C-alpha atoms as a PDB file:
ATOM      1  CA  MET A   1      91.209  97.888 102.582  1.00  0.00           C
ATOM      2  CA  ALA A   2      89.848  96.607  99.413  1.00  0.00           C
ATOM      3  CA  LYS A   3      92.014  96.267  96.355  1.00  0.00           C
ATOM      4  CA  SER A   4      92.298  99.060  93.969  1.00  0.00           C
ATOM      5  CA  GLY A   5      93.111 100.358  90.508  1.00  0.00           C
ATOM      6  CA  PRO A   6      96.821 100.407  89.406  1.00  0.00           C
ATOM      7  CA  GLY A   7      98.777 103.040  90.486  1.00  0.00           C
ATOM      8  CA  LYS A   8      96.384 104.462  93.011  1.00  0.00           C
ATOM      9  CA  ALA A   9      95.532 107.343  90.782  1.00  0.00           C
ATOM     10  CA  PHE A  10      92.202 107.979  92.656  1.00  0.00           C
ATOM     11  CA  ARG A  11      94.436 108.713  96.116  1.00  0.00           C
ATOM     12  CA  LYS A  12      94.425 112.771  96.684  1.00  0.00           C
ATOM     13  CA  GLY A  13      98.042 113.604  97.485  1.00  0.00           C
ATOM     14  CA  LEU A  14      99.257 116.429  99.253  1.00  0.00           C
ATOM     15  CA  SER A  15     101.825 118.952  98.050  1.00  0.00           C
ATOM     16  CA  LEU A  16     104.389 120.777 100.181  1.00  0.00           C
ATOM     17  CA  MET A  17     102.628 124.154  99.683  1.00  0.00           C
ATOM     18  CA  GLU A  18      99.468 122.484 100.766  1.00  0.00           C
ATOM     19  CA  LEU A  19     101.359 121.072 103.828  1.00  0.00           C
ATOM     20  CA  PHE A  20     102.844 124.254 104.845  1.00  0.00           C
ATOM     21  CA  ASN A  21      99.624 126.173 104.529  1.00  0.00           C
ATOM     22  CA  MET A  22      97.571 123.413 106.844  1.00  0.00           C
ATOM     23  CA  PHE A  23     100.695 123.745 109.447  1.00  0.00           C
ATOM     24  CA  PRO A  24     101.911 127.316 109.517  1.00  0.00           C
ATOM     25  CA  ASP A  25     102.843 127.275 112.970  1.00  0.00           C
ATOM     26  CA  ASP A  26     103.608 124.578 115.994  1.00  0.00           C
ATOM     27  CA  GLU A  27     100.123 125.556 117.830  1.00  0.00           C
ATOM     28  CA  THR A  28      98.366 124.352 114.559  1.00  0.00           C
ATOM     29  CA  ALA A  29     100.437 121.132 114.543  1.00  0.00           C
ATOM     30  CA  ARG A  30      99.779 120.239 118.078  1.00  0.00           C
ATOM     31  CA  GLU A  31      96.101 120.700 117.777  1.00  0.00           C
ATOM     32  CA  TRP A  32      96.323 118.027 114.882  1.00  0.00           C
ATOM     33  CA  PHE A  33      98.131 115.861 116.747  1.00  0.00           C
ATOM     34  CA  GLU A  34      95.714 115.921 119.674  1.00  0.00           C
ATOM     35  CA  LYS A  35      92.868 115.064 117.298  1.00  0.00           C
ATOM     36  CA  GLN A  36      94.709 111.961 116.200  1.00  0.00           C
ATOM     37  CA  VAL A  37      95.945 110.988 119.409  1.00  0.00           C
ATOM     38  CA  TRP A  38      92.620 112.113 121.213  1.00  0.00           C
ATOM     39  CA  PRO A  39      89.685 111.506 118.925  1.00  0.00           C
ATOM     40  CA  LYS A  40      87.091 111.561 121.591  1.00  0.00           C
ATOM     41  CA  GLY A  41      88.847 114.504 123.555  1.00  0.00           C
ATOM     42  CA  PRO A  42      91.859 114.679 125.947  1.00  0.00           C
ATOM     43  CA  TYR A  43      92.160 111.937 128.511  1.00  0.00           C
ATOM     44  CA  CYS A  44      94.864 111.494 131.237  1.00  0.00           C
ATOM     45  CA  PRO A  45      97.237 108.837 129.827  1.00  0.00           C
ATOM     46  CA  HIS A  46      97.970 107.707 133.549  1.00  0.00           C
ATOM     47  CA  CYS A  47      94.584 106.728 135.037  1.00  0.00           C
ATOM     48  CA  GLY A  48      92.148 107.119 131.607  1.00  0.00           C
ATOM     49  CA  THR A  49      89.830 109.440 132.722  1.00  0.00           C
ATOM     50  CA  PHE A  50      88.161 112.107 130.461  1.00  0.00           C
ATOM     51  CA  ASN A  51      87.995 114.317 133.746  1.00  0.00           C
ATOM     52  CA  VAL A  52      90.834 116.542 132.820  1.00  0.00           C
ATOM     53  CA  GLN A  53      91.624 120.211 133.086  1.00  0.00           C
ATOM     54  CA  CYS A  54      92.656 121.985 129.738  1.00  0.00           C
ATOM     55  CA  GLY A  55      94.874 124.848 128.849  1.00  0.00           C
ATOM     56  CA  ILE A  56      96.985 125.232 132.285  1.00  0.00           C
ATOM     57  CA  LYS A  57      99.596 127.513 132.589  1.00  0.00           C
ATOM     58  CA  HIS A  58     102.916 125.458 132.005  1.00  0.00           C
ATOM     59  CA  PRO A  59     105.883 125.440 129.803  1.00  0.00           C
ATOM     60  CA  THR A  60     105.442 122.075 128.281  1.00  0.00           C
ATOM     61  CA  MET A  61     102.327 120.534 129.709  1.00  0.00           C
ATOM     62  CA  THR A  62      98.768 121.332 128.527  1.00  0.00           C
ATOM     63  CA  HIS A  63      96.285 119.343 130.685  1.00  0.00           C
ATOM     64  CA  ARG A  64      95.968 118.402 134.299  1.00  0.00           C
ATOM     65  CA  CYS A  65      94.146 115.225 135.450  1.00  0.00           C
ATOM     66  CA  ARG A  66      91.514 116.099 138.253  1.00  0.00           C
ATOM     67  CA  GLU A  67      91.178 112.633 139.461  1.00  0.00           C
ATOM     68  CA  CYS A  68      94.918 111.307 139.562  1.00  0.00           C
ATOM     69  CA  PRO A  69      96.732 111.733 142.877  1.00  0.00           C
ATOM     70  CA  LYS A  70      98.668 115.095 143.023  1.00  0.00           C
ATOM     71  CA  ARG A  71      96.899 115.929 139.880  1.00  0.00           C
ATOM     72  CA  LYS A  72      99.140 115.062 137.010  1.00  0.00           C
ATOM     73  CA  MET A  73      99.685 117.210 134.589  1.00  0.00           C
ATOM     74  CA  PHE A  74     100.280 115.858 131.009  1.00  0.00           C
ATOM     75  CA  SER A  75     100.523 116.834 127.324  1.00  0.00           C
ATOM     76  CA  VAL A  76      99.474 115.185 123.996  1.00  0.00           C
ATOM     77  CA  ARG A  77     103.454 113.928 123.873  1.00  0.00           C
ATOM     78  CA  THR A  78     102.891 112.034 127.292  1.00  0.00           C
ATOM     79  CA  GLY A  79     102.678 108.363 126.783  1.00  0.00           C
ATOM     80  CA  THR A  80     103.332 108.283 123.384  1.00  0.00           C
ATOM     81  CA  VAL A  81     106.210 108.187 120.915  1.00  0.00           C
ATOM     82  CA  LEU A  82     106.849 111.788 121.308  1.00  0.00           C
ATOM     83  CA  GLN A  83     107.445 111.989 124.922  1.00  0.00           C
ATOM     84  CA  SER A  84     110.618 113.427 126.057  1.00  0.00           C
ATOM     85  CA  SER A  85     111.093 114.981 122.338  1.00  0.00           C
ATOM     86  CA  LYS A  86     112.268 118.384 121.927  1.00  0.00           C
ATOM     87  CA  LEU A  87     111.194 118.717 118.524  1.00  0.00           C
ATOM     88  CA  SER A  88     108.493 120.745 117.605  1.00  0.00           C
ATOM     89  CA  PHE A  89     105.147 119.949 116.702  1.00  0.00           C
ATOM     90  CA  LYS A  90     105.636 121.046 113.035  1.00  0.00           C
ATOM     91  CA  VAL A  91     108.793 119.089 112.574  1.00  0.00           C
ATOM     92  CA  TRP A  92     107.212 116.121 113.605  1.00  0.00           C
ATOM     93  CA  VAL A  93     104.265 116.745 111.131  1.00  0.00           C
ATOM     94  CA  ILE A  94     106.734 117.457 108.125  1.00  0.00           C
ATOM     95  CA  ALA A  95     108.672 113.894 109.142  1.00  0.00           C
ATOM     96  CA  ILE A  96     105.421 112.242 109.125  1.00  0.00           C
ATOM     97  CA  TYR A  97     104.787 113.627 105.566  1.00  0.00           C
ATOM     98  CA  LEU A  98     108.570 112.805 104.403  1.00  0.00           C
ATOM     99  CA  PHE A  99     108.029 109.300 105.576  1.00  0.00           C
ATOM    100  CA  THR A 100     104.592 108.802 104.013  1.00  0.00           C
ATOM    101  CA  THR A 101     105.346 109.950 100.925  1.00  0.00           C
ATOM    102  CA  GLY A 102     108.721 108.567 100.402  1.00  0.00           C
ATOM    103  CA  ILE A 103     107.482 105.088  99.308  1.00  0.00           C
ATOM    104  CA  LYS A 104     111.132 103.490  99.341  1.00  0.00           C
ATOM    105  CA  GLY A 105     111.978 104.711 102.610  1.00  0.00           C
ATOM    106  CA  THR A 106     113.337 108.211 103.936  1.00  0.00           C
ATOM    107  CA  ALA A 107     116.889 108.102 105.375  1.00  0.00           C
ATOM    108  CA  ALA A 108     117.661 109.602 108.440  1.00  0.00           C
ATOM    109  CA  MET A 109     120.658 112.133 106.711  1.00  0.00           C
ATOM    110  CA  LYS A 110     117.402 113.338 104.622  1.00  0.00           C
ATOM    111  CA  LEU A 111     115.556 114.255 107.806  1.00  0.00           C
ATOM    112  CA  HIS A 112     119.007 115.424 109.173  1.00  0.00           C
ATOM    113  CA  ARG A 113     119.277 117.985 106.324  1.00  0.00           C
ATOM    114  CA  ASP A 114     115.552 118.896 105.482  1.00  0.00           C
ATOM    115  CA  LEU A 115     114.362 119.257 109.098  1.00  0.00           C
ATOM    116  CA  GLU A 116     117.567 121.183 110.177  1.00  0.00           C
ATOM    117  CA  ILE A 117     118.067 118.653 113.063  1.00  0.00           C
ATOM    118  CA  THR A 118     121.024 116.739 114.341  1.00  0.00           C
ATOM    119  CA  TYR A 119     121.502 113.506 112.619  1.00  0.00           C
ATOM    120  CA  LYS A 120     120.996 111.636 115.954  1.00  0.00           C
ATOM    121  CA  SER A 121     117.520 113.350 116.561  1.00  0.00           C
ATOM    122  CA  ALA A 122     116.786 112.268 112.732  1.00  0.00           C
ATOM    123  CA  TRP A 123     117.715 108.482 113.470  1.00  0.00           C
ATOM    124  CA  HIS A 124     115.997 108.383 116.657  1.00  0.00           C
ATOM    125  CA  LEU A 125     113.058 110.419 115.101  1.00  0.00           C
ATOM    126  CA  ALA A 126     112.765 107.879 112.091  1.00  0.00           C
ATOM    127  CA  HIS A 127     112.868 104.878 114.465  1.00  0.00           C
ATOM    128  CA  ARG A 128     110.038 106.290 116.462  1.00  0.00           C
ATOM    129  CA  MET A 129     107.857 106.541 113.391  1.00  0.00           C
ATOM    130  CA  ARG A 130     108.458 103.080 112.593  1.00  0.00           C
ATOM    131  CA  LYS A 131     107.462 102.100 115.943  1.00  0.00           C
ATOM    132  CA  ALA A 132     104.026 104.135 115.351  1.00  0.00           C
ATOM    133  CA  PHE A 133     103.830 101.561 112.318  1.00  0.00           C
ATOM    134  CA  GLU A 134     103.501  98.521 114.942  1.00  0.00           C
ATOM    135  CA  MET A 135      99.907  97.169 114.202  1.00  0.00           C
ATOM    136  CA  GLU A 136      98.099  93.841 115.351  1.00  0.00           C
ATOM    137  CA  THR A 137      98.387  91.269 112.737  1.00  0.00           C
ATOM    138  CA  PRO A 138      94.725  90.367 111.566  1.00  0.00           C
ATOM    139  CA  GLU A 139      94.052  86.754 110.380  1.00  0.00           C
ATOM    140  CA  PHE A 140      94.122  86.611 106.937  1.00  0.00           C
ATOM    141  CA  ALA A 141      91.012  84.969 105.450  1.00  0.00           C
ATOM    142  CA  GLY A 142      92.649  84.449 101.903  1.00  0.00           C
ATOM    143  CA  PRO A 143      93.342  83.419  99.356  1.00  0.00           C
ATOM    144  CA  VAL A 144      96.752  83.859 100.593  1.00  0.00           C
ATOM    145  CA  GLU A 145     100.636  84.201  99.068  1.00  0.00           C
ATOM    146  CA  VAL A 146     103.412  83.314 101.034  1.00  0.00           C
ATOM    147  CA  ASP A 147     107.041  83.734 100.358  1.00  0.00           C
ATOM    148  CA  GLU A 148     110.424  84.279 101.742  1.00  0.00           C
ATOM    149  CA  ALA A 149     113.198  86.943 100.915  1.00  0.00           C
ATOM    150  CA  PHE A 150     116.724  87.810 102.173  1.00  0.00           C
ATOM    151  CA  PHE A 151     118.294  91.059 103.475  1.00  0.00           C
ATOM    152  CA  GLY A 152     121.665  91.805 104.001  1.00  0.00           C
ATOM    153  CA  GLY A 153     125.213  93.160 102.395  1.00  0.00           C
ATOM    154  CA  LEU A 154     126.982  90.963  99.829  1.00  0.00           C
ATOM    155  CA  GLU A 155     129.860  89.024 101.218  1.00  0.00           C
ATOM    156  CA  GLY A 156     132.277  90.549  98.718  1.00  0.00           C
ATOM    157  CA  ASN A 157     131.354  94.242  99.673  1.00  0.00           C
ATOM    158  CA  LYS A 158     132.069  93.572 103.500  1.00  0.00           C
ATOM    159  CA  HIS A 159     135.365  94.450 105.348  1.00  0.00           C
ATOM    160  CA  ALA A 160     137.226  91.344 106.179  1.00  0.00           C
ATOM    161  CA  ASN A 161     135.962  91.625 110.001  1.00  0.00           C
ATOM    162  CA  LYS A 162     132.483  91.614 109.018  1.00  0.00           C
ATOM    163  CA  LYS A 163     132.536  88.974 106.715  1.00  0.00           C
ATOM    164  CA  THR A 164     130.943  85.842 108.337  1.00  0.00           C
ATOM    165  CA  HIS A 165     132.298  83.276 105.371  1.00  0.00           C
ATOM    166  CA  PRO A 166     129.018  81.351 104.810  1.00  0.00           C
ATOM    167  CA  GLY A 167     129.861  80.297 101.253  1.00  0.00           C
ATOM    168  CA  GLY A 168     127.921  82.915  99.341  1.00  0.00           C
ATOM    169  CA  GLY A 169     124.440  82.912  98.294  1.00  0.00           C
ATOM    170  CA  VAL A 170     122.000  83.697 100.714  1.00  0.00           C
ATOM    171  CA  GLY A 171     124.498  83.110 103.710  1.00  0.00           C
ATOM    172  CA  GLY A 172     124.743  85.789 106.163  1.00  0.00           C
ATOM    173  CA  LYS A 173     121.498  87.358 105.381  1.00  0.00           C
ATOM    174  CA  THR A 174     118.607  87.978 107.559  1.00  0.00           C
ATOM    175  CA  ALA A 175     115.865  85.612 106.271  1.00  0.00           C
ATOM    176  CA  VAL A 176     112.262  87.412 106.194  1.00  0.00           C
ATOM    177  CA  VAL A 177     108.859  85.617 105.682  1.00  0.00           C
ATOM    178  CA  GLY A 178     105.778  87.469 104.459  1.00  0.00           C
ATOM    179  CA  ILE A 179     102.406  86.757 103.590  1.00  0.00           C
ATOM    180  CA  LYS A 180      99.588  88.847 101.442  1.00  0.00           C
ATOM    181  CA  ASP A 181      95.956  88.460 101.240  1.00  0.00           C
ATOM    182  CA  GLN A 182      94.742  88.494  97.825  1.00  0.00           C
ATOM    183  CA  GLU A 183      91.190  89.645  98.672  1.00  0.00           C
ATOM    184  CA  THR A 184      92.146  92.817 100.908  1.00  0.00           C
ATOM    185  CA  GLY A 185      95.658  93.234  99.444  1.00  0.00           C
ATOM    186  CA  GLN A 186      97.213  93.534 102.917  1.00  0.00           C
ATOM    187  CA  VAL A 187     100.384  92.278 103.865  1.00  0.00           C
ATOM    188  CA  HIS A 188     102.609  90.997 106.881  1.00  0.00           C
ATOM    189  CA  ALA A 189     106.199  90.625 106.907  1.00  0.00           C
ATOM    190  CA  GLU A 190     108.819  89.208 110.075  1.00  0.00           C
ATOM    191  CA  VAL A 191     112.014  87.868 110.579  1.00  0.00           C
ATOM    192  CA  THR A 192     111.980  84.121 110.599  1.00  0.00           C
ATOM    193  CA  PRO A 193     114.532  82.130 112.396  1.00  0.00           C
ATOM    194  CA  SER A 194     114.869  79.509 109.606  1.00  0.00           C
ATOM    195  CA  ILE A 195     113.351  78.602 106.092  1.00  0.00           C
ATOM    196  CA  GLY A 196     112.545  75.372 107.081  1.00  0.00           C
ATOM    197  CA  SER A 197     108.835  73.418 107.340  1.00  0.00           C
ATOM    198  CA  GLU A 198     108.317  74.129 110.856  1.00  0.00           C
ATOM    199  CA  ALA A 199     109.241  77.916 110.927  1.00  0.00           C
ATOM    200  CA  LEU A 200     107.311  78.840 107.479  1.00  0.00           C
ATOM    201  CA  GLN A 201     104.374  76.393 108.391  1.00  0.00           C
ATOM    202  CA  GLY A 202     104.071  77.561 111.481  1.00  0.00           C
ATOM    203  CA  PHE A 203     103.913  81.217 110.243  1.00  0.00           C
ATOM    204  CA  ILE A 204     101.025  80.304 107.743  1.00  0.00           C
ATOM    205  CA  HIS A 205      99.042  78.735 110.413  1.00  0.00           C
ATOM    206  CA  LYS A 206      99.718  81.542 112.777  1.00  0.00           C
ATOM    207  CA  HIS A 207      98.107  84.258 110.404  1.00  0.00           C
ATOM    208  CA  THR A 208      95.485  82.307 108.798  1.00  0.00           C
ATOM    209  CA  ALA A 209      91.997  81.011 109.166  1.00  0.00           C
ATOM    210  CA  GLU A 210      91.645  77.447 109.001  1.00  0.00           C
ATOM    211  CA  GLY A 211      90.955  75.997 105.766  1.00  0.00           C
ATOM    212  CA  VAL A 212      92.421  78.929 103.659  1.00  0.00           C
ATOM    213  CA  THR A 213      93.616  78.754 100.173  1.00  0.00           C
ATOM    214  CA  VAL A 214      97.515  79.223 100.237  1.00  0.00           C
ATOM    215  CA  TYR A 215      99.967  79.724  97.357  1.00  0.00           C
ATOM    216  CA  THR A 216     103.766  79.454  97.335  1.00  0.00           C
ATOM    217  CA  ASP A 217     106.394  78.605  95.398  1.00  0.00           C
ATOM    218  CA  ASP A 218     107.735  75.161  95.182  1.00  0.00           C
ATOM    219  CA  HIS A 219     110.267  75.227  98.212  1.00  0.00           C
ATOM    220  CA  LYS A 220     109.855  72.044  99.667  1.00  0.00           C
ATOM    221  CA  ALA A 221     109.324  73.509 103.043  1.00  0.00           C
ATOM    222  CA  TYR A 222     105.775  73.906 102.225  1.00  0.00           C
ATOM    223  CA  ASN A 223     105.034  70.649 101.311  1.00  0.00           C
ATOM    224  CA  ASN A 224     102.297  68.651 103.408  1.00  0.00           C
ATOM    225  CA  MET A 225     100.958  71.589 104.818  1.00  0.00           C
ATOM    226  CA  LYS A 226      97.872  70.396 106.918  1.00  0.00           C
ATOM    227  CA  GLY A 227      94.535  72.509 107.634  1.00  0.00           C
ATOM    228  CA  VAL A 228      94.885  74.790 104.207  1.00  0.00           C
ATOM    229  CA  LYS A 229      94.323  74.274 100.733  1.00  0.00           C
ATOM    230  CA  HIS A 230      97.826  74.237  99.027  1.00  0.00           C
ATOM    231  CA  GLN A 231      98.409  75.477  95.527  1.00  0.00           C
ATOM    232  CA  THR A 232     102.350  76.124  94.070  1.00  0.00           C
ATOM    233  CA  VAL A 233     103.857  77.749  91.239  1.00  0.00           C
ATOM    234  CA  LYS A 234     107.154  75.602  90.150  1.00  0.00           C
ATOM    235  CA  HIS A 235     109.776  78.843  90.346  1.00  0.00           C
ATOM    236  CA  SER A 236     112.391  75.822  89.597  1.00  0.00           C
ATOM    237  CA  VAL A 237     110.898  75.577  85.987  1.00  0.00           C
ATOM    238  CA  GLY A 238     110.222  78.963  85.072  1.00  0.00           C
ATOM    239  CA  GLU A 239     106.408  79.034  86.083  1.00  0.00           C
ATOM    240  CA  TYR A 240     105.210  82.164  87.674  1.00  0.00           C
ATOM    241  CA  VAL A 241     101.162  81.835  87.260  1.00  0.00           C
ATOM    242  CA  ASN A 242      99.283  78.529  87.574  1.00  0.00           C
ATOM    243  CA  GLU A 243      95.802  79.071  86.926  1.00  0.00           C
ATOM    244  CA  GLN A 244      94.579  81.283  90.284  1.00  0.00           C
ATOM    245  CA  ALA A 245      98.116  80.555  91.910  1.00  0.00           C
ATOM    246  CA  THR A 246     100.642  83.198  92.112  1.00  0.00           C
ATOM    247  CA  ILE A 247     102.987  85.116  94.501  1.00  0.00           C
ATOM    248  CA  ASN A 248     103.420  87.923  92.400  1.00  0.00           C
ATOM    249  CA  GLY A 249     101.971  90.201  94.756  1.00  0.00           C
ATOM    250  CA  MET A 250     104.311  89.346  97.422  1.00  0.00           C
ATOM    251  CA  GLU A 251     107.283  89.463  95.175  1.00  0.00           C
ATOM    252  CA  SER A 252     106.230  92.771  94.534  1.00  0.00           C
ATOM    253  CA  PHE A 253     106.294  93.776  98.201  1.00  0.00           C
ATOM    254  CA  TRP A 254     109.640  92.488  98.339  1.00  0.00           C
ATOM    255  CA  ALA A 255     110.962  94.355  95.593  1.00  0.00           C
ATOM    256  CA  LEU A 256     109.821  97.465  96.824  1.00  0.00           C
ATOM    257  CA  MET A 257     111.567  96.582 100.202  1.00  0.00           C
ATOM    258  CA  LYS A 258     114.781  95.995  98.344  1.00  0.00           C
ATOM    259  CA  ARG A 259     114.691  99.263  96.724  1.00  0.00           C
ATOM    260  CA  GLY A 260     114.698 100.990  99.645  1.00  0.00           C
ATOM    261  CA  TYR A 261     117.493  98.839 101.429  1.00  0.00           C
ATOM    262  CA  HIS A 262     119.837  99.346  98.366  1.00  0.00           C
ATOM    263  CA  GLY A 263     118.639 102.737  97.442  1.00  0.00           C
ATOM    264  CA  ILE A 264     117.604 104.643 100.072  1.00  0.00           C
ATOM    265  CA  TYR A 265     118.925 103.163 103.300  1.00  0.00           C
ATOM    266  CA  HIS A 266     121.921 100.729 101.896  1.00  0.00           C
ATOM    267  CA  HIS A 267     122.155  98.511 105.163  1.00  0.00           C
ATOM    268  CA  TRP A 268     119.924  98.079 108.289  1.00  0.00           C
ATOM    269  CA  SER A 269     120.950  95.930 110.742  1.00  0.00           C
ATOM    270  CA  ALA A 270     119.429  92.601 111.770  1.00  0.00           C
ATOM    271  CA  LYS A 271     118.908  94.308 115.373  1.00  0.00           C
ATOM    272  CA  HIS A 272     116.470  96.628 113.978  1.00  0.00           C
ATOM    273  CA  MET A 273     115.106  94.630 111.105  1.00  0.00           C
ATOM    274  CA  GLU A 274     111.566  94.220 112.487  1.00  0.00           C
ATOM    275  CA  ARG A 275     111.118  97.994 112.605  1.00  0.00           C
ATOM    276  CA  TYR A 276     112.170  98.760 109.223  1.00  0.00           C
ATOM    277  CA  ILE A 277     109.836  95.741 108.109  1.00  0.00           C
ATOM    278  CA  ASP A 278     106.904  97.590 109.965  1.00  0.00           C
ATOM    279  CA  GLU A 279     107.709 100.635 108.032  1.00  0.00           C
ATOM    280  CA  PHE A 280     107.309  98.991 104.449  1.00  0.00           C
ATOM    281  CA  GLU A 281     104.424  97.122 105.634  1.00  0.00           C
ATOM    282  CA  GLY A 282     102.362  99.759 107.187  1.00  0.00           C
ATOM    283  CA  ARG A 283     102.996 102.054 104.345  1.00  0.00           C
ATOM    284  CA  TYR A 284     102.137  99.343 101.909  1.00  0.00           C
ATOM    285  CA  ASN A 285      98.970  98.352 103.835  1.00  0.00           C
ATOM    286  CA  SER A 286      97.820 102.289 103.525  1.00  0.00           C
ATOM    287  CA  ARG A 287      98.577 102.885 100.210  1.00  0.00           C
ATOM    288  CA  SER A 288      94.909 103.504  99.098  1.00  0.00           C
ATOM    289  CA  LEU A 289      94.340 106.231 101.465  1.00  0.00           C
ATOM    290  CA  ASP A 290      94.904 109.942 100.908  1.00  0.00           C
ATOM    291  CA  THR A 291      98.408 111.426 101.914  1.00  0.00           C
ATOM    292  CA  ILE A 292      96.579 113.518 104.955  1.00  0.00           C
ATOM    293  CA  ASP A 293      94.921 110.032 106.088  1.00  0.00           C
ATOM    294  CA  GLN A 294      98.217 108.287 106.033  1.00  0.00           C
ATOM    295  CA  MET A 295      99.771 110.585 107.910  1.00  0.00           C
ATOM    296  CA  ARG A 296      96.573 110.434 110.556  1.00  0.00           C
ATOM    297  CA  LEU A 297      97.139 106.747 110.538  1.00  0.00           C
ATOM    298  CA  ILE A 298     100.982 107.319 111.631  1.00  0.00           C
ATOM    299  CA  ALA A 299      99.976 110.088 114.191  1.00  0.00           C
ATOM    300  CA  MET A 300      97.022 107.786 115.699  1.00  0.00           C
ATOM    301  CA  GLY A 301      99.522 104.706 115.963  1.00  0.00           C
ATOM    302  CA  MET A 302     102.071 106.733 118.354  1.00  0.00           C
ATOM    303  CA  GLY A 303      99.895 106.423 121.324  1.00  0.00           C
ATOM    304  CA  GLY A 304     100.497 103.968 124.016  1.00  0.00           C
ATOM    305  CA  LYS A 305     104.503 103.492 122.846  1.00  0.00           C
ATOM    306  CA  ARG A 306     107.651 104.893 123.516  1.00  0.00           C
ATOM    307  CA  LEU A 307     111.211 104.018 122.278  1.00  0.00           C
ATOM    308  CA  LYS A 308     113.852 105.410 124.112  1.00  0.00           C
ATOM    309  CA  TYR A 309     117.286 106.206 122.391  1.00  0.00           C
ATOM    310  CA  ASN A 310     119.283 104.079 124.834  1.00  0.00           C
ATOM    311  CA  ASP A 311     116.740 101.297 124.480  1.00  0.00           C
ATOM    312  CA  LEU A 312     117.668 101.740 120.665  1.00  0.00           C
ATOM    313  CA  VAL A 313     121.676 101.458 121.083  1.00  0.00           C
ATOM    314  CA  ALA A 314     121.693  99.318 123.741  1.00  0.00           C
END
């Protein structure tokens, strides 16, 4: 997606009234999901054939495969993050809307209240939508900005039995490294095992084309990088732009994530950190799309993925 003007004012939003008019009932919502998950028409999630029977008489299944042994039945939920969900399609559509328009995130408690579902269902629903944001990371051609950030509570705010006594600063927090392509505006971030040179430089080489121009701050772990054109901005002396070199775009992404962490979620565990990163990354990378197209992107990302509640809490 190409870079766009400030504020993304060119985007077409979607009001709640428009949303409810678009999806007046569960059947309309189901048909919308089918168009997103099956853009070329319904196919069997078990064997992949398009030779299927539609509109079968069954309480929950809508299609039957004509080629699978025992002619297996299925619906648009089968083989997606919606599988085994007892929530209506309309509830799912509204949840996707809330998730899309809440640029700092949407708490499970809000989903619980707005959708009139249990908190347990809302929490599972939110994680399944984050699962839909999982995408393969492209190779960035650059120039790229690379930076690290840390997420976690302050030691002074923790109960005594939760304190790790790391000595203050960023101790006890989870380190995350991110990269932004200045040409496309796309970002990618992930948890990093350390902020040493091996981990950070390995991250850069994994996600960039050879010979790319890389902008970082003056953290010594980025010194002596091979195979790239490296320029730095010296934050240690108050420098934030050095000719073309800057990491302001990556720092803007961190600022948005931290507003979500502190203002909406208040906490997320290291166990689920990658899914929260996927959420912010996916929403950021689709920010130039109209709201309904952002919703379509989430729905299309639901195919071929499962996330069971027991796996989340294991």
